[in-house]
Amino acid sequence: MVSLEKRISYMERVNKSTKLKAFHHFLLGKEIVFLPNSNYSEMDEQFIKILSAIQINDKTAFEEVYSRKSKSNPTKESPTPFVNDDYLIFCLIIAITKFDIDRTWINSILSIRNRNPTTITLENILHENYSSTNNQAEVVLIYLHLCHQAIDNDLLNTAYKSITENMILLDNRNDFLILCACRAYDLIIEQKEASYGSEITLLKKFNQSFTIRIKILSWIVQYAVLLGLIYGLLKLPAYSPEVIQVLDKYNYVFTLLGALGVTFLGNLFPFSRKKSKELLMRLLGYPTGLLNNKEKEE
């Protein structure tokens, strides 16, 4: 992976290009704003509209651009400039997948592109072949992230290896791959987990099952206490005649108090359930730090 200093210097150059800056912001999840009166080229205008449509989930806005673009039918002998535009084709594939658009046209475009690793990767992505060894793993990782699809640990490992072993990433001047690699590297750091079967992974799985069991156990304890109270009330000694007269005289008062008590108990249940769960976890030695984090999440 390139040094931080070189990366900062590279990003300064990216920010000077409307298209590169828009694509970079798209990868970062920053809002893409289309300004109608700006001095965009036609290609840049279409590209930014596509990015914006994907971000705001506007199928109609995308189809307005796509309907015009898909009327073009270039051939391998006479390809138009957009055919080998990695940014555009990549984002078109994302939108076509996201909005469930027919893939016939984009398949024909991919078939006339230059046969290089990026084209092969894009074809595999379109056909949901994410695990091919011919893929540029960093591009696949970015695609899955932008489409909100699951990313497994194997892909993270493969992408990390691909990025860190590419010592000439900046020298190739392939901005599409550079931007994807930089963003993928950040995502790997954010999402990386230990390898399957490791102690950390097993502990995470145990933590999930442990908290579920404690939750069930707290319910059992709570209802056992409630049933115990009801049983105790039923086993109280018989009231004397004087007590029965008082109860009959003020029956409406006790009815009102009983209703208030039921309401109070109803409000108390969620609180008591939470506290009983917390108490059980503390008694069983659950780490205080993790317990505090769970309380914040809840």
Protein backbone atom coordinates (compact mmCIF):
# COMPACT_ATOMS: atom_id res chain seq x y z
CA MET A 1 0.00 0.00 0.00
CA VAL A 2 1.20 3.54 -0.74
CA SER A 3 2.49 5.70 2.12
CA LEU A 4 0.19 8.17 3.84
CA GLU A 5 2.22 11.09 2.49
CA LYS A 6 1.91 9.89 -1.12
CA ARG A 7 -1.78 9.20 -0.62
CA ILE A 8 -2.43 12.75 0.61
CA SER A 9 -0.50 14.14 -2.33
CA TYR A 10 -2.49 11.96 -4.72
CA MET A 11 -5.83 13.06 -3.24
CA GLU A 12 -4.86 16.68 -3.85
CA ARG A 13 -4.66 15.84 -7.55
CA VAL A 14 -7.97 13.95 -7.40
CA ASN A 15 -9.76 16.99 -6.00
CA LYS A 16 -8.75 19.02 -9.05
CA SER A 17 -10.77 16.77 -11.37
CA THR A 18 -14.57 16.99 -11.34
CA LYS A 19 -15.01 13.36 -12.33
CA LEU A 20 -12.38 11.89 -9.99
CA LYS A 21 -13.60 13.98 -7.08
CA ALA A 22 -17.22 12.93 -7.66
CA PHE A 23 -16.24 9.25 -7.86
CA HIS A 24 -14.09 9.54 -4.74
CA HIS A 25 -16.95 11.16 -2.81
CA PHE A 26 -19.26 8.42 -4.08
CA LEU A 27 -16.93 5.74 -2.70
CA LEU A 28 -16.80 7.56 0.64
CA GLY A 29 -20.58 7.86 0.81
CA LYS A 30 -20.48 11.64 0.63
CA GLU A 31 -23.45 13.34 -0.99
CA ILE A 32 -23.13 13.93 -4.74
CA VAL A 33 -24.89 17.13 -5.74
CA PHE A 34 -25.67 17.81 -9.39
CA LEU A 35 -25.53 21.52 -10.23
CA PRO A 36 -27.47 22.14 -13.48
CA ASN A 37 -25.73 25.41 -14.31
CA SER A 38 -22.20 24.12 -13.78
CA ASN A 39 -19.78 23.82 -16.66
CA TYR A 40 -19.83 20.01 -16.92
CA SER A 41 -19.01 18.12 -20.07
CA GLU A 42 -21.85 15.91 -21.34
CA MET A 43 -20.08 12.76 -20.10
CA ASP A 44 -19.41 14.24 -16.66
CA GLU A 45 -23.01 15.43 -16.41
CA GLN A 46 -24.36 11.95 -17.15
CA PHE A 47 -21.89 10.38 -14.76
CA ILE A 48 -22.76 12.67 -11.85
CA LYS A 49 -26.48 12.17 -12.45
CA ILE A 50 -25.95 8.41 -12.24
CA LEU A 51 -24.00 8.72 -8.97
CA SER A 52 -26.68 10.96 -7.50
CA ALA A 53 -29.50 8.62 -8.59
CA ILE A 54 -27.77 5.66 -6.92
CA GLN A 55 -27.22 7.57 -3.69
CA ILE A 56 -30.80 8.81 -3.34
CA ASN A 57 -32.28 5.57 -4.70
CA ASP A 58 -34.02 7.37 -7.58
CA LYS A 59 -34.72 4.79 -10.28
CA THR A 60 -36.58 7.31 -12.48
CA ALA A 61 -33.60 9.70 -12.54
CA PHE A 62 -31.28 6.85 -13.48
CA GLU A 63 -33.56 5.57 -16.24
CA GLU A 64 -33.66 9.05 -17.79
CA VAL A 65 -29.89 8.88 -18.29
CA TYR A 66 -29.77 5.16 -19.03
CA SER A 67 -32.47 5.27 -21.71
CA ARG A 68 -30.40 7.73 -23.73
CA LYS A 69 -27.10 5.97 -23.11
CA SER A 70 -28.43 2.50 -23.95
CA LYS A 71 -29.56 3.67 -27.39
CA SER A 72 -25.91 3.73 -28.37
CA ASN A 73 -24.82 0.45 -29.98
CA PRO A 74 -21.04 0.56 -30.43
CA THR A 75 -19.14 -2.40 -31.86
CA LYS A 76 -15.73 -3.84 -31.21
CA GLU A 77 -14.51 -2.31 -34.47
CA SER A 78 -15.84 1.15 -33.59
CA PRO A 79 -16.20 1.49 -29.80
CA THR A 80 -17.26 4.85 -28.39
CA PRO A 81 -15.13 6.48 -25.64
CA PHE A 82 -17.51 5.55 -22.82
CA VAL A 83 -17.08 1.81 -23.51
CA ASN A 84 -13.69 1.74 -21.77
CA ASP A 85 -14.65 4.26 -19.10
CA ASP A 86 -14.15 2.13 -15.97
CA TYR A 87 -15.90 4.64 -13.68
CA LEU A 88 -19.02 4.84 -15.81
CA ILE A 89 -19.34 1.11 -16.50
CA PHE A 90 -18.73 0.24 -12.85
CA CYS A 91 -21.43 2.66 -11.68
CA LEU A 92 -23.82 1.55 -14.42
CA ILE A 93 -23.48 -2.03 -13.17
CA ILE A 94 -24.22 -0.90 -9.62
CA ALA A 95 -27.35 0.99 -10.74
CA ILE A 96 -28.53 -1.80 -13.05
CA THR A 97 -28.24 -4.27 -10.17
CA LYS A 98 -29.78 -1.90 -7.64
CA PHE A 99 -32.78 -0.98 -9.81
CA ASP A 100 -33.17 -4.43 -11.42
CA ILE A 101 -32.65 -3.22 -14.99
CA ASP A 102 -32.32 -5.62 -17.94
CA ARG A 103 -28.64 -6.55 -18.40
CA THR A 104 -28.57 -7.28 -22.11
CA TRP A 105 -27.12 -3.92 -23.15
CA ILE A 106 -24.45 -3.74 -20.45
CA ASN A 107 -23.40 -7.31 -21.30
CA SER A 108 -22.87 -6.28 -24.92
CA ILE A 109 -20.79 -3.29 -23.80
CA LEU A 110 -18.57 -5.47 -21.63
CA SER A 111 -18.09 -7.91 -24.52
CA ILE A 112 -16.44 -5.23 -26.71
CA ARG A 113 -14.22 -3.72 -24.04
CA ASN A 114 -10.47 -4.27 -23.91
CA ARG A 115 -9.79 -7.62 -22.25
CA ASN A 116 -7.98 -6.58 -19.10
CA PRO A 117 -8.29 -7.48 -15.39
CA THR A 118 -10.84 -4.71 -14.78
CA THR A 119 -13.11 -5.88 -17.62
CA ILE A 120 -12.94 -9.46 -16.35
CA THR A 121 -13.76 -8.26 -12.84
CA LEU A 122 -16.72 -6.21 -14.05
CA GLU A 123 -18.08 -9.17 -16.00
CA ASN A 124 -17.76 -11.42 -12.96
CA ILE A 125 -19.46 -8.83 -10.76
CA LEU A 126 -22.36 -8.56 -13.19
CA HIS A 127 -22.76 -12.34 -13.09
CA GLU A 128 -22.33 -12.43 -9.29
CA ASN A 129 -19.08 -14.39 -9.50
CA TYR A 130 -17.38 -12.60 -6.62
CA SER A 131 -14.91 -15.33 -5.67
CA SER A 132 -13.09 -15.74 -8.99
CA THR A 133 -9.31 -15.70 -8.63
CA ASN A 134 -9.19 -13.48 -11.73
CA ASN A 135 -11.03 -10.69 -9.96
CA GLN A 136 -9.52 -7.48 -8.70
CA ALA A 137 -10.60 -8.16 -5.13
CA GLU A 138 -10.51 -4.50 -4.11
CA VAL A 139 -13.03 -3.63 -6.86
CA VAL A 140 -15.32 -6.49 -5.81
CA LEU A 141 -15.10 -5.34 -2.19
CA ILE A 142 -16.10 -1.79 -3.15
CA TYR A 143 -19.01 -3.06 -5.26
CA LEU A 144 -20.40 -5.23 -2.46
CA HIS A 145 -20.05 -2.39 0.02
CA LEU A 146 -21.87 0.10 -2.22
CA CYS A 147 -24.63 -2.44 -2.91
CA HIS A 148 -24.97 -3.20 0.81
CA GLN A 149 -24.21 -6.87 0.31
CA ALA A 150 -22.44 -9.22 2.72
CA ILE A 151 -18.64 -9.15 2.72
CA ASP A 152 -16.94 -12.26 4.05
CA ASN A 153 -13.60 -12.50 5.79
CA ASP A 154 -11.97 -14.34 2.88
CA LEU A 155 -12.63 -11.43 0.52
CA LEU A 156 -11.18 -9.00 3.07
CA ASN A 157 -8.04 -11.13 3.29
CA THR A 158 -7.72 -11.43 -0.48
CA ALA A 159 -8.24 -7.70 -1.04
CA TYR A 160 -5.72 -6.81 1.67
CA LYS A 161 -3.12 -9.10 0.11
CA SER A 162 -3.77 -7.66 -3.35
CA ILE A 163 -3.47 -4.05 -2.17
CA THR A 164 -0.41 -4.45 0.05
CA GLU A 165 1.51 -6.45 -2.54
CA ASN A 166 0.87 -3.93 -5.32
CA MET A 167 4.03 -1.85 -4.94
CA ILE A 168 3.45 0.06 -8.19
CA LEU A 169 -0.16 1.07 -7.59
CA LEU A 170 0.43 4.79 -8.15
CA ASP A 171 2.94 4.23 -10.94
CA ASN A 172 0.30 2.61 -13.16
CA ARG A 173 -1.71 5.85 -13.22
CA ASN A 174 -4.95 3.83 -13.15
CA ASP A 175 -7.06 6.25 -11.11
CA PHE A 176 -10.06 3.93 -11.02
CA LEU A 177 -8.05 1.13 -9.42
CA ILE A 178 -6.14 3.52 -7.12
CA LEU A 179 -9.32 5.06 -5.72
CA CYS A 180 -10.94 1.65 -5.28
CA ALA A 181 -7.81 0.31 -3.57
CA CYS A 182 -7.56 3.26 -1.18
CA ARG A 183 -11.21 3.02 -0.16
CA ALA A 184 -11.05 -0.79 0.06
CA TYR A 185 -8.02 -0.54 2.36
CA ASP A 186 -10.01 1.70 4.73
CA LEU A 187 -12.97 -0.69 4.64
CA ILE A 188 -10.71 -3.64 5.45
CA ILE A 189 -9.51 -1.85 8.58
CA GLU A 190 -13.10 -1.01 9.55
CA GLN A 191 -14.54 -4.47 8.96
CA LYS A 192 -11.64 -6.87 9.48
CA GLU A 193 -12.31 -9.81 11.74
CA ALA A 194 -10.06 -12.58 12.94
CA SER A 195 -9.87 -15.68 10.77
CA TYR A 196 -12.57 -18.31 11.18
CA GLY A 197 -11.96 -20.62 14.13
CA SER A 198 -9.63 -18.22 15.93
CA GLU A 199 -10.03 -17.46 19.64
CA ILE A 200 -11.43 -13.97 18.96
CA THR A 201 -14.07 -15.26 16.54
CA LEU A 202 -15.10 -18.03 18.94
CA LEU A 203 -15.36 -15.55 21.80
CA LYS A 204 -17.57 -13.26 19.69
CA LYS A 205 -19.90 -16.16 18.92
CA PHE A 206 -19.95 -17.17 22.60
CA ASN A 207 -20.78 -13.58 23.59
CA GLN A 208 -23.81 -13.57 21.29
CA SER A 209 -25.18 -16.87 22.58
CA PHE A 210 -24.35 -15.96 26.20
CA THR A 211 -26.35 -12.71 26.13
CA ILE A 212 -29.34 -14.49 24.58
CA ARG A 213 -29.26 -17.16 27.32
CA ILE A 214 -29.02 -14.50 30.04
CA LYS A 215 -32.01 -12.70 28.54
CA ILE A 216 -34.10 -15.89 28.65
CA LEU A 217 -32.90 -16.68 32.17
CA SER A 218 -33.86 -13.18 33.39
CA TRP A 219 -37.40 -13.73 32.05
CA ILE A 220 -37.61 -17.04 33.91
CA VAL A 221 -36.40 -15.45 37.17
CA GLN A 222 -38.79 -12.52 36.83
CA TYR A 223 -41.86 -14.67 36.21
CA ALA A 224 -40.81 -17.10 38.96
CA VAL A 225 -40.77 -14.21 41.44
CA LEU A 226 -44.18 -13.02 40.21
CA LEU A 227 -45.69 -16.49 40.52
CA GLY A 228 -44.19 -16.76 43.99
CA LEU A 229 -45.91 -13.55 45.06
CA ILE A 230 -49.26 -14.71 43.68
CA TYR A 231 -48.89 -18.07 45.43
CA GLY A 232 -48.05 -16.31 48.71
CA LEU A 233 -51.14 -14.12 48.48
CA LEU A 234 -53.34 -17.14 47.88
CA LYS A 235 -51.90 -18.85 50.96
CA LEU A 236 -52.58 -15.93 53.34
CA PRO A 237 -54.59 -16.81 56.52
CA ALA A 238 -58.38 -16.37 56.42
CA TYR A 239 -59.51 -12.85 57.16
CA SER A 240 -61.45 -12.11 60.36
CA PRO A 241 -65.10 -10.92 60.08
CA GLU A 242 -64.04 -7.38 61.06
CA VAL A 243 -61.49 -7.26 58.22
CA ILE A 244 -64.05 -8.56 55.72
CA GLN A 245 -66.48 -5.79 56.74
CA VAL A 246 -63.79 -3.15 56.13
CA LEU A 247 -62.96 -4.66 52.75
CA ASP A 248 -66.63 -4.65 51.73
CA LYS A 249 -67.10 -1.08 52.92
CA TYR A 250 -64.13 0.28 50.99
CA ASN A 251 -64.29 -2.13 48.07
CA TYR A 252 -64.14 0.63 45.42
CA VAL A 253 -60.96 2.04 46.99
CA PHE A 254 -59.21 -1.31 46.89
CA THR A 255 -60.40 -1.82 43.29
CA LEU A 256 -58.83 1.49 42.33
CA LEU A 257 -55.61 0.66 44.15
CA GLY A 258 -55.57 -2.74 42.45
CA ALA A 259 -55.90 -1.15 39.02
CA LEU A 260 -53.09 1.27 39.84
CA GLY A 261 -50.99 -1.64 41.04
CA VAL A 262 -51.49 -3.56 37.82
CA THR A 263 -50.51 -0.45 35.84
CA PHE A 264 -47.46 0.01 38.03
CA LEU A 265 -46.42 -3.61 37.58
CA GLY A 266 -46.88 -3.31 33.83
CA ASN A 267 -44.55 -0.32 33.77
CA LEU A 268 -42.17 -2.04 36.16
CA PHE A 269 -41.71 -5.20 34.08
CA PRO A 270 -39.37 -3.76 31.41
CA PHE A 271 -37.28 -2.03 34.08
CA SER A 272 -37.11 -5.11 36.33
CA ARG A 273 -36.32 -7.33 33.34
CA LYS A 274 -33.42 -5.08 32.37
CA LYS A 275 -32.11 -4.91 35.93
CA SER A 276 -32.44 -8.65 36.52
CA LYS A 277 -30.56 -9.31 33.30
CA GLU A 278 -27.82 -6.87 34.34
CA LEU A 279 -27.59 -8.45 37.82
CA LEU A 280 -27.29 -11.98 36.41
CA MET A 281 -24.56 -10.91 33.99
CA ARG A 282 -22.62 -9.23 36.79
CA LEU A 283 -22.98 -12.28 39.07
CA LEU A 284 -21.66 -14.52 36.27
CA GLY A 285 -18.63 -12.28 35.76
CA TYR A 286 -19.57 -10.55 32.49
CA PRO A 287 -17.00 -7.75 31.81
CA THR A 288 -18.19 -4.35 33.04
CA GLY A 289 -16.87 -2.60 29.92
CA LEU A 290 -18.89 -4.83 27.58
CA LEU A 291 -21.94 -4.47 29.81
CA ASN A 292 -21.71 -0.66 29.64
CA ASN A 293 -21.41 -0.83 25.84
CA LYS A 294 -24.55 -2.96 25.63
CA GLU A 295 -26.46 -0.51 27.82
CA LYS A 296 -25.49 2.33 25.46
CA GLU A 297 -26.64 0.30 22.43
CA GLU A 298 -30.00 -0.44 24.09
